[in-house]
PDB file of all heavy atoms in Angstrom:
ATOM      1  N   VAL A   1     -38.098  54.442 -46.534  1.00  0.00           N
ATOM      2  CA  VAL A   1     -39.374  54.419 -45.813  1.00  0.00           C
ATOM      3  C   VAL A   1     -39.321  53.415 -44.672  1.00  0.00           C
ATOM      4  O   VAL A   1     -39.777  53.685 -43.554  1.00  0.00           O
ATOM      5  CB  VAL A   1     -40.530  54.097 -46.778  1.00  0.00           C
ATOM      6  CG1 VAL A   1     -41.828  53.846 -46.009  1.00  0.00           C
ATOM      7  CG2 VAL A   1     -40.725  55.232 -47.776  1.00  0.00           C
ATOM      8  N   LEU A   2     -38.756  52.238 -44.933  1.00  0.00           N
ATOM      9  CA  LEU A   2     -38.640  51.222 -43.887  1.00  0.00           C
ATOM     10  C   LEU A   2     -37.778  51.708 -42.733  1.00  0.00           C
ATOM     11  O   LEU A   2     -38.145  51.561 -41.556  1.00  0.00           O
ATOM     12  CB  LEU A   2     -38.049  49.940 -44.484  1.00  0.00           C
ATOM     13  CG  LEU A   2     -37.780  48.797 -43.494  1.00  0.00           C
ATOM     14  CD1 LEU A   2     -39.075  48.348 -42.835  1.00  0.00           C
ATOM     15  CD2 LEU A   2     -37.107  47.632 -44.204  1.00  0.00           C
ATOM     16  N   ILE A   3     -36.640  52.320 -43.050  1.00  0.00           N
ATOM     17  CA  ILE A   3     -35.754  52.824 -42.002  1.00  0.00           C
ATOM     18  C   ILE A   3     -36.445  53.925 -41.201  1.00  0.00           C
ATOM     19  O   ILE A   3     -36.350  53.976 -39.967  1.00  0.00           O
ATOM     20  CB  ILE A   3     -34.440  53.346 -42.626  1.00  0.00           C
ATOM     21  CG1 ILE A   3     -33.644  52.170 -43.207  1.00  0.00           C
ATOM     22  CG2 ILE A   3     -33.602  54.091 -41.583  1.00  0.00           C
ATOM     23  CD1 ILE A   3     -32.428  52.588 -44.000  1.00  0.00           C
ATOM     24  N   ALA A   4     -37.162  54.811 -41.885  1.00  0.00           N
ATOM     25  CA  ALA A   4     -37.857  55.896 -41.195  1.00  0.00           C
ATOM     26  C   ALA A   4     -38.916  55.352 -40.245  1.00  0.00           C
ATOM     27  O   ALA A   4     -39.060  55.839 -39.108  1.00  0.00           O
ATOM     28  CB  ALA A   4     -38.494  56.836 -42.219  1.00  0.00           C
ATOM     29  N   ILE A   5     -39.664  54.356 -40.700  1.00  0.00           N
ATOM     30  CA  ILE A   5     -40.702  53.773 -39.839  1.00  0.00           C
ATOM     31  C   ILE A   5     -40.077  53.146 -38.597  1.00  0.00           C
ATOM     32  O   ILE A   5     -40.537  53.380 -37.467  1.00  0.00           O
ATOM     33  CB  ILE A   5     -41.522  52.727 -40.623  1.00  0.00           C
ATOM     34  CG1 ILE A   5     -42.392  53.412 -41.671  1.00  0.00           C
ATOM     35  CG2 ILE A   5     -42.400  51.903 -39.676  1.00  0.00           C
ATOM     36  CD1 ILE A   5     -43.134  52.447 -42.577  1.00  0.00           C
ATOM     37  N   LEU A   6     -39.022  52.372 -38.781  1.00  0.00           N
ATOM     38  CA  LEU A   6     -38.404  51.698 -37.640  1.00  0.00           C
ATOM     39  C   LEU A   6     -37.660  52.678 -36.731  1.00  0.00           C
ATOM     40  O   LEU A   6     -37.513  52.416 -35.535  1.00  0.00           O
ATOM     41  CB  LEU A   6     -37.442  50.612 -38.144  1.00  0.00           C
ATOM     42  CG  LEU A   6     -38.107  49.476 -38.934  1.00  0.00           C
ATOM     43  CD1 LEU A   6     -37.077  48.448 -39.361  1.00  0.00           C
ATOM     44  CD2 LEU A   6     -39.204  48.812 -38.105  1.00  0.00           C
ATOM     45  N   PHE A   7     -37.194  53.797 -37.293  1.00  0.00           N
ATOM     46  CA  PHE A   7     -36.512  54.798 -36.470  1.00  0.00           C
ATOM     47  C   PHE A   7     -37.514  55.554 -35.605  1.00  0.00           C
ATOM     48  O   PHE A   7     -37.274  55.796 -34.413  1.00  0.00           O
ATOM     49  CB  PHE A   7     -35.747  55.773 -37.369  1.00  0.00           C
ATOM     50  CG  PHE A   7     -34.968  56.804 -36.604  1.00  0.00           C
ATOM     51  CD1 PHE A   7     -33.754  56.485 -36.012  1.00  0.00           C
ATOM     52  CD2 PHE A   7     -35.457  58.095 -36.448  1.00  0.00           C
ATOM     53  CE1 PHE A   7     -33.047  57.432 -35.295  1.00  0.00           C
ATOM     54  CE2 PHE A   7     -34.758  59.052 -35.739  1.00  0.00           C
ATOM     55  CZ  PHE A   7     -33.540  58.718 -35.154  1.00  0.00           C
ATOM     56  N   VAL A   8     -38.636  55.938 -36.182  1.00  0.00           N
ATOM     57  CA  VAL A   8     -39.648  56.696 -35.446  1.00  0.00           C
ATOM     58  C   VAL A   8     -40.510  55.782 -34.578  1.00  0.00           C
ATOM     59  O   VAL A   8     -40.883  56.130 -33.457  1.00  0.00           O
ATOM     60  CB  VAL A   8     -40.541  57.494 -36.424  1.00  0.00           C
ATOM     61  CG1 VAL A   8     -41.646  58.229 -35.676  1.00  0.00           C
ATOM     62  CG2 VAL A   8     -39.692  58.468 -37.221  1.00  0.00           C
ATOM     63  N   MET A   9     -40.816  54.589 -35.097  1.00  0.00           N
ATOM     64  CA  MET A   9     -41.691  53.643 -34.389  1.00  0.00           C
ATOM     65  C   MET A   9     -40.989  52.297 -34.293  1.00  0.00           C
ATOM     66  O   MET A   9     -41.272  51.386 -35.087  1.00  0.00           O
ATOM     67  CB  MET A   9     -43.028  53.508 -35.132  1.00  0.00           C
ATOM     68  CG  MET A   9     -43.815  54.795 -35.209  1.00  0.00           C
ATOM     69  SD  MET A   9     -45.220  54.726 -36.361  1.00  0.00           S
ATOM     70  CE  MET A   9     -44.369  55.004 -37.927  1.00  0.00           C
ATOM     71  N   PRO A  10     -40.056  52.129 -33.370  1.00  0.00           N
ATOM     72  CA  PRO A  10     -39.257  50.890 -33.301  1.00  0.00           C
ATOM     73  C   PRO A  10     -40.091  49.634 -33.111  1.00  0.00           C
ATOM     74  O   PRO A  10     -39.712  48.564 -33.577  1.00  0.00           O
ATOM     75  CB  PRO A  10     -38.345  51.129 -32.085  1.00  0.00           C
ATOM     76  CG  PRO A  10     -38.318  52.600 -31.894  1.00  0.00           C
ATOM     77  CD  PRO A  10     -39.653  53.097 -32.350  1.00  0.00           C
ATOM     78  N   ARG A  11     -41.232  49.739 -32.442  1.00  0.00           N
ATOM     79  CA  ARG A  11     -42.077  48.562 -32.212  1.00  0.00           C
ATOM     80  C   ARG A  11     -43.046  48.308 -33.356  1.00  0.00           C
ATOM     81  O   ARG A  11     -43.762  47.312 -33.347  1.00  0.00           O
ATOM     82  CB  ARG A  11     -42.870  48.748 -30.911  1.00  0.00           C
ATOM     83  CG  ARG A  11     -41.997  48.775 -29.652  1.00  0.00           C
ATOM     84  CD  ARG A  11     -42.805  49.213 -28.447  1.00  0.00           C
ATOM     85  NE  ARG A  11     -43.995  48.396 -28.300  1.00  0.00           N
ATOM     86  CZ  ARG A  11     -45.133  48.840 -27.764  1.00  0.00           C
ATOM     87  NH1 ARG A  11     -45.223  50.105 -27.363  1.00  0.00           N
ATOM     88  NH2 ARG A  11     -46.172  48.038 -27.648  1.00  0.00           N
ATOM     89  N   GLY A  12     -43.078  49.190 -34.344  1.00  0.00           N
ATOM     90  CA  GLY A  12     -43.978  49.035 -35.467  1.00  0.00           C
ATOM     91  C   GLY A  12     -45.116  50.036 -35.431  1.00  0.00           C
ATOM     92  O   GLY A  12     -45.350  50.719 -34.425  1.00  0.00           O
ATOM     93  N   ILE A  13     -45.860  50.111 -36.534  1.00  0.00           N
ATOM     94  CA  ILE A  13     -46.910  51.125 -36.668  1.00  0.00           C
ATOM     95  C   ILE A  13     -48.090  50.839 -35.755  1.00  0.00           C
ATOM     96  O   ILE A  13     -48.607  51.742 -35.086  1.00  0.00           O
ATOM     97  CB  ILE A  13     -47.371  51.201 -38.138  1.00  0.00           C
ATOM     98  CG1 ILE A  13     -46.205  51.619 -39.035  1.00  0.00           C
ATOM     99  CG2 ILE A  13     -48.519  52.185 -38.293  1.00  0.00           C
ATOM    100  CD1 ILE A  13     -46.527  51.564 -40.512  1.00  0.00           C
ATOM    101  N   ALA A  14     -48.571  49.592 -35.710  1.00  0.00           N
ATOM    102  CA  ALA A  14     -49.766  49.261 -34.916  1.00  0.00           C
ATOM    103  C   ALA A  14     -49.564  49.539 -33.428  1.00  0.00           C
ATOM    104  O   ALA A  14     -50.420  50.183 -32.802  1.00  0.00           O
ATOM    105  CB  ALA A  14     -50.175  47.816 -35.163  1.00  0.00           C
ATOM    106  N   PRO A  15     -48.465  49.087 -32.791  1.00  0.00           N
ATOM    107  CA  PRO A  15     -48.257  49.427 -31.373  1.00  0.00           C
ATOM    108  C   PRO A  15     -48.125  50.930 -31.138  1.00  0.00           C
ATOM    109  O   PRO A  15     -48.592  51.451 -30.120  1.00  0.00           O
ATOM    110  CB  PRO A  15     -46.960  48.696 -31.011  1.00  0.00           C
ATOM    111  CG  PRO A  15     -46.881  47.577 -31.994  1.00  0.00           C
ATOM    112  CD  PRO A  15     -47.447  48.131 -33.257  1.00  0.00           C
ATOM    113  N   TYR A  16     -47.494  51.635 -32.094  1.00  0.00           N
ATOM    114  CA  TYR A  16     -47.357  53.090 -31.948  1.00  0.00           C
ATOM    115  C   TYR A  16     -48.725  53.764 -31.964  1.00  0.00           C
ATOM    116  O   TYR A  16     -49.009  54.632 -31.140  1.00  0.00           O
ATOM    117  CB  TYR A  16     -46.484  53.635 -33.079  1.00  0.00           C
ATOM    118  CG  TYR A  16     -46.357  55.142 -33.080  1.00  0.00           C
ATOM    119  CD1 TYR A  16     -45.408  55.776 -32.264  1.00  0.00           C
ATOM    120  CD2 TYR A  16     -47.174  55.930 -33.883  1.00  0.00           C
ATOM    121  CE1 TYR A  16     -45.290  57.163 -32.270  1.00  0.00           C
ATOM    122  CE2 TYR A  16     -47.057  57.308 -33.881  1.00  0.00           C
ATOM    123  CZ  TYR A  16     -46.122  57.918 -33.073  1.00  0.00           C
ATOM    124  OH  TYR A  16     -46.021  59.286 -33.063  1.00  0.00           O
ATOM    125  N   LEU A  17     -49.588  53.352 -32.897  1.00  0.00           N
ATOM    126  CA  LEU A  17     -50.934  53.922 -32.952  1.00  0.00           C
ATOM    127  C   LEU A  17     -51.725  53.593 -31.692  1.00  0.00           C
ATOM    128  O   LEU A  17     -52.468  54.430 -31.172  1.00  0.00           O
ATOM    129  CB  LEU A  17     -51.667  53.403 -34.191  1.00  0.00           C
ATOM    130  CG  LEU A  17     -51.154  53.888 -35.547  1.00  0.00           C
ATOM    131  CD1 LEU A  17     -51.923  53.215 -36.679  1.00  0.00           C
ATOM    132  CD2 LEU A  17     -51.267  55.405 -35.663  1.00  0.00           C
ATOM    133  N   ASP A  18     -51.563  52.376 -31.209  1.00  0.00           N
ATOM    134  CA  ASP A  18     -52.261  51.975 -29.987  1.00  0.00           C
ATOM    135  C   ASP A  18     -51.840  52.843 -28.813  1.00  0.00           C
ATOM    136  O   ASP A  18     -52.673  53.335 -28.036  1.00  0.00           O
ATOM    137  CB  ASP A  18     -51.966  50.503 -29.699  1.00  0.00           C
ATOM    138  CG  ASP A  18     -53.017  49.880 -28.802  1.00  0.00           C
ATOM    139  OD1 ASP A  18     -54.071  50.516 -28.588  1.00  0.00           O
ATOM    140  OD2 ASP A  18     -52.801  48.757 -28.318  1.00  0.00           O
ATOM    141  N   ASP A  19     -50.526  53.063 -28.660  1.00  0.00           N
ATOM    142  CA  ASP A  19     -50.024  53.911 -27.575  1.00  0.00           C
ATOM    143  C   ASP A  19     -50.480  55.360 -27.748  1.00  0.00           C
ATOM    144  O   ASP A  19     -50.810  56.036 -26.769  1.00  0.00           O
ATOM    145  CB  ASP A  19     -48.489  53.852 -27.518  1.00  0.00           C
ATOM    146  CG  ASP A  19     -47.982  52.478 -27.112  1.00  0.00           C
ATOM    147  OD1 ASP A  19     -48.783  51.694 -26.564  1.00  0.00           O
ATOM    148  OD2 ASP A  19     -46.796  52.186 -27.359  1.00  0.00           O
ATOM    149  N   TRP A  20     -50.503  55.826 -28.997  1.00  0.00           N
ATOM    150  CA  TRP A  20     -50.879  57.222 -29.249  1.00  0.00           C
ATOM    151  C   TRP A  20     -52.341  57.460 -28.881  1.00  0.00           C
ATOM    152  O   TRP A  20     -52.675  58.438 -28.203  1.00  0.00           O
ATOM    153  CB  TRP A  20     -50.631  57.562 -30.705  1.00  0.00           C
ATOM    154  CG  TRP A  20     -50.839  59.005 -31.040  1.00  0.00           C
ATOM    155  CD1 TRP A  20     -49.978  60.045 -30.795  1.00  0.00           C
ATOM    156  CD2 TRP A  20     -51.996  59.579 -31.670  1.00  0.00           C
ATOM    157  NE1 TRP A  20     -50.515  61.226 -31.237  1.00  0.00           N
ATOM    158  CE2 TRP A  20     -51.758  60.980 -31.774  1.00  0.00           C
ATOM    159  CE3 TRP A  20     -53.180  59.062 -32.154  1.00  0.00           C
ATOM    160  CZ2 TRP A  20     -52.678  61.844 -32.339  1.00  0.00           C
ATOM    161  CZ3 TRP A  20     -54.100  59.921 -32.722  1.00  0.00           C
ATOM    162  CH2 TRP A  20     -53.859  61.296 -32.816  1.00  0.00           C
ATOM    163  N   PHE A  21     -53.222  56.560 -29.317  1.00  0.00           N
ATOM    164  CA  PHE A  21     -54.638  56.711 -29.001  1.00  0.00           C
ATOM    165  C   PHE A  21     -54.889  56.519 -27.507  1.00  0.00           C
ATOM    166  O   PHE A  21     -55.747  57.190 -26.926  1.00  0.00           O
ATOM    167  CB  PHE A  21     -55.470  55.717 -29.805  1.00  0.00           C
ATOM    168  CG  PHE A  21     -55.664  56.115 -31.242  1.00  0.00           C
ATOM    169  CD1 PHE A  21     -55.158  55.325 -32.272  1.00  0.00           C
ATOM    170  CD2 PHE A  21     -56.349  57.274 -31.578  1.00  0.00           C
ATOM    171  CE1 PHE A  21     -55.331  55.693 -33.592  1.00  0.00           C
ATOM    172  CE2 PHE A  21     -56.521  57.641 -32.905  1.00  0.00           C
ATOM    173  CZ  PHE A  21     -56.008  56.851 -33.909  1.00  0.00           C
ATOM    174  N   ALA A  22     -54.143  55.609 -26.871  1.00  0.00           N
ATOM    175  CA  ALA A  22     -54.292  55.418 -25.425  1.00  0.00           C
ATOM    176  C   ALA A  22     -53.858  56.667 -24.672  1.00  0.00           C
ATOM    177  O   ALA A  22     -54.497  57.071 -23.683  1.00  0.00           O
ATOM    178  CB  ALA A  22     -53.477  54.211 -24.969  1.00  0.00           C
ATOM    179  N   GLY A  23     -52.766  57.301 -25.130  1.00  0.00           N
ATOM    180  CA  GLY A  23     -52.327  58.541 -24.498  1.00  0.00           C
ATOM    181  C   GLY A  23     -53.327  59.664 -24.662  1.00  0.00           C
ATOM    182  O   GLY A  23     -53.573  60.439 -23.729  1.00  0.00           O
ATOM    183  N   ARG A  24     -53.933  59.760 -25.829  1.00  0.00           N
ATOM    184  CA  ARG A  24     -54.963  60.777 -26.065  1.00  0.00           C
ATOM    185  C   ARG A  24     -56.168  60.550 -25.152  1.00  0.00           C
ATOM    186  O   ARG A  24     -56.713  61.493 -24.567  1.00  0.00           O
ATOM    187  CB  ARG A  24     -55.400  60.731 -27.517  1.00  0.00           C
ATOM    188  CG  ARG A  24     -54.319  61.081 -28.510  1.00  0.00           C
ATOM    189  CD  ARG A  24     -54.348  62.504 -28.937  1.00  0.00           C
ATOM    190  NE  ARG A  24     -55.623  62.856 -29.562  1.00  0.00           N
ATOM    191  CZ  ARG A  24     -55.863  64.042 -30.106  1.00  0.00           C
ATOM    192  NH1 ARG A  24     -54.905  64.972 -30.099  1.00  0.00           N
ATOM    193  NH2 ARG A  24     -57.024  64.307 -30.659  1.00  0.00           N
ATOM    194  N   ALA A  25     -56.574  59.292 -25.014  1.00  0.00           N
ATOM    195  CA  ALA A  25     -57.717  58.986 -24.160  1.00  0.00           C
ATOM    196  C   ALA A  25     -57.411  59.300 -22.701  1.00  0.00           C
ATOM    197  O   ALA A  25     -58.258  59.833 -21.973  1.00  0.00           O
ATOM    198  CB  ALA A  25     -58.113  57.519 -24.317  1.00  0.00           C
ATOM    199  N   ALA A  26     -56.186  58.978 -22.264  1.00  0.00           N
ATOM    200  CA  ALA A  26     -55.800  59.264 -20.882  1.00  0.00           C
ATOM    201  C   ALA A  26     -55.743  60.768 -20.630  1.00  0.00           C
ATOM    202  O   ALA A  26     -56.138  61.245 -19.564  1.00  0.00           O
ATOM    203  CB  ALA A  26     -54.443  58.626 -20.582  1.00  0.00           C
ATOM    204  N   ALA A  27     -55.270  61.520 -21.621  1.00  0.00           N
ATOM    205  CA  ALA A  27     -55.201  62.974 -21.461  1.00  0.00           C
ATOM    206  C   ALA A  27     -56.592  63.579 -21.358  1.00  0.00           C
ATOM    207  O   ALA A  27     -56.824  64.506 -20.552  1.00  0.00           O
ATOM    208  CB  ALA A  27     -54.435  63.583 -22.639  1.00  0.00           C
ATOM    209  N   ARG A  28     -57.537  63.070 -22.129  1.00  0.00           N
ATOM    210  CA  ARG A  28     -58.905  63.599 -22.059  1.00  0.00           C
ATOM    211  C   ARG A  28     -59.566  63.263 -20.728  1.00  0.00           C
ATOM    212  O   ARG A  28     -60.299  64.071 -20.161  1.00  0.00           O
ATOM    213  CB  ARG A  28     -59.738  63.039 -23.210  1.00  0.00           C
ATOM    214  CG  ARG A  28     -59.417  63.656 -24.559  1.00  0.00           C
ATOM    215  CD  ARG A  28     -60.519  63.361 -25.565  1.00  0.00           C
ATOM    216  NE  ARG A  28     -60.681  61.918 -25.756  1.00  0.00           N
ATOM    217  CZ  ARG A  28     -60.066  61.224 -26.705  1.00  0.00           C
ATOM    218  NH1 ARG A  28     -59.224  61.841 -27.524  1.00  0.00           N
ATOM    219  NH2 ARG A  28     -60.268  59.934 -26.820  1.00  0.00           N
ATOM    220  N   SER A  29     -59.311  62.058 -20.230  1.00  0.00           N
ATOM    221  CA  SER A  29     -59.951  61.653 -18.982  1.00  0.00           C
ATOM    222  C   SER A  29     -59.371  62.376 -17.776  1.00  0.00           C
ATOM    223  O   SER A  29     -60.052  62.561 -16.768  1.00  0.00           O
ATOM    224  CB  SER A  29     -59.801  60.141 -18.778  1.00  0.00           C
ATOM    225  OG  SER A  29     -58.427  59.786 -18.685  1.00  0.00           O
ATOM    226  N   SER A  30     -58.093  62.804 -17.865  1.00  0.00           N
ATOM    227  CA  SER A  30     -57.459  63.488 -16.738  1.00  0.00           C
ATOM    228  C   SER A  30     -57.552  65.011 -16.836  1.00  0.00           C
ATOM    229  O   SER A  30     -57.113  65.721 -15.937  1.00  0.00           O
ATOM    230  CB  SER A  30     -55.991  63.090 -16.643  1.00  0.00           C
ATOM    231  OG  SER A  30     -55.288  63.473 -17.812  1.00  0.00           O
ATOM    232  N   ALA A  31     -58.139  65.532 -17.907  1.00  0.00           N
ATOM    233  CA  ALA A  31     -58.257  66.982 -18.067  1.00  0.00           C
ATOM    234  C   ALA A  31     -59.233  67.537 -17.032  1.00  0.00           C
ATOM    235  O   ALA A  31     -60.293  66.942 -16.779  1.00  0.00           O
ATOM    236  CB  ALA A  31     -58.729  67.311 -19.477  1.00  0.00           C
ATOM    237  N   PRO A  32     -58.927  68.665 -16.387  1.00  0.00           N
ATOM    238  CA  PRO A  32     -59.842  69.247 -15.394  1.00  0.00           C
ATOM    239  C   PRO A  32     -61.136  69.711 -16.051  1.00  0.00           C
ATOM    240  O   PRO A  32     -61.142  70.244 -17.158  1.00  0.00           O
ATOM    241  CB  PRO A  32     -59.039  70.429 -14.838  1.00  0.00           C
ATOM    242  CG  PRO A  32     -58.038  70.760 -15.901  1.00  0.00           C
ATOM    243  CD  PRO A  32     -57.709  69.472 -16.568  1.00  0.00           C
ATOM    244  N   VAL A  33     -62.219  69.465 -15.342  1.00  0.00           N
ATOM    245  CA  VAL A  33     -63.531  69.866 -15.829  1.00  0.00           C
ATOM    246  C   VAL A  33     -63.879  71.230 -15.250  1.00  0.00           C
ATOM    247  O   VAL A  33     -63.842  71.429 -14.030  1.00  0.00           O
ATOM    248  CB  VAL A  33     -64.604  68.824 -15.432  1.00  0.00           C
ATOM    249  CG1 VAL A  33     -65.974  69.261 -15.925  1.00  0.00           C
ATOM    250  CG2 VAL A  33     -64.230  67.459 -15.964  1.00  0.00           C
ATOM    251  N   ALA A  34     -64.213  72.183 -16.110  1.00  0.00           N
ATOM    252  CA  ALA A  34     -64.541  73.535 -15.652  1.00  0.00           C
ATOM    253  C   ALA A  34     -65.869  73.533 -14.905  1.00  0.00           C
ATOM    254  O   ALA A  34     -66.865  72.968 -15.364  1.00  0.00           O
ATOM    255  CB  ALA A  34     -64.609  74.477 -16.837  1.00  0.00           C
ATOM    256  N   LYS A  35     -65.883  74.141 -13.713  1.00  0.00           N
ATOM    257  CA  LYS A  35     -67.104  74.216 -12.928  1.00  0.00           C
ATOM    258  C   LYS A  35     -67.997  75.347 -13.433  1.00  0.00           C
ATOM    259  O   LYS A  35     -67.505  76.434 -13.736  1.00  0.00           O
ATOM    260  CB  LYS A  35     -66.766  74.454 -11.462  1.00  0.00           C
ATOM    261  CG  LYS A  35     -65.993  73.298 -10.821  1.00  0.00           C
ATOM    262  CD  LYS A  35     -65.712  73.589  -9.360  1.00  0.00           C
ATOM    263  CE  LYS A  35     -64.963  72.416  -8.717  1.00  0.00           C
ATOM    264  NZ  LYS A  35     -64.682  72.690  -7.285  1.00  0.00           N
ATOM    265  N   PRO A  36     -69.298  75.114 -13.536  1.00  0.00           N
ATOM    266  CA  PRO A  36     -70.185  76.194 -13.978  1.00  0.00           C
ATOM    267  C   PRO A  36     -70.254  77.305 -12.944  1.00  0.00           C
ATOM    268  O   PRO A  36     -70.303  77.078 -11.736  1.00  0.00           O
ATOM    269  CB  PRO A  36     -71.544  75.474 -14.113  1.00  0.00           C
ATOM    270  CG  PRO A  36     -71.443  74.290 -13.227  1.00  0.00           C
ATOM    271  CD  PRO A  36     -70.020  73.862 -13.231  1.00  0.00           C
ATOM    272  N   GLN A  37     -70.205  78.520 -13.409  1.00  0.00           N
ATOM    273  CA  GLN A  37     -70.208  79.683 -12.519  1.00  0.00           C
ATOM    274  C   GLN A  37     -71.650  80.039 -12.155  1.00  0.00           C
ATOM    275  O   GLN A  37     -72.521  80.115 -13.008  1.00  0.00           O
ATOM    276  CB  GLN A  37     -69.547  80.870 -13.224  1.00  0.00           C
ATOM    277  CG  GLN A  37     -69.312  82.047 -12.284  1.00  0.00           C
ATOM    278  CD  GLN A  37     -68.545  83.150 -13.004  1.00  0.00           C
ATOM    279  OE1 GLN A  37     -68.602  83.231 -14.211  1.00  0.00           O
ATOM    280  NE2 GLN A  37     -67.853  83.970 -12.253  1.00  0.00           N
ATOM    281  N   LEU A  38     -71.896  80.183 -10.840  1.00  0.00           N
ATOM    282  CA  LEU A  38     -73.238  80.501 -10.379  1.00  0.00           C
ATOM    283  C   LEU A  38     -73.583  81.954 -10.700  1.00  0.00           C
ATOM    284  O   LEU A  38     -72.727  82.826 -10.775  1.00  0.00           O
ATOM    285  CB  LEU A  38     -73.335  80.299  -8.859  1.00  0.00           C
ATOM    286  CG  LEU A  38     -73.130  78.839  -8.383  1.00  0.00           C
ATOM    287  CD1 LEU A  38     -73.201  78.794  -6.866  1.00  0.00           C
ATOM    288  CD2 LEU A  38     -74.145  77.923  -8.998  1.00  0.00           C
TER     289      LEU A  38
END
């Protein structure tokens, strides 16, 4: 388990979660907003 964690998340679980949530937030903010059709 320790090896798997360090292999997938070399910086540790907390920094990985922080980056993951930050990436999700950035993706939502940059997503195009659909214009309402007249």
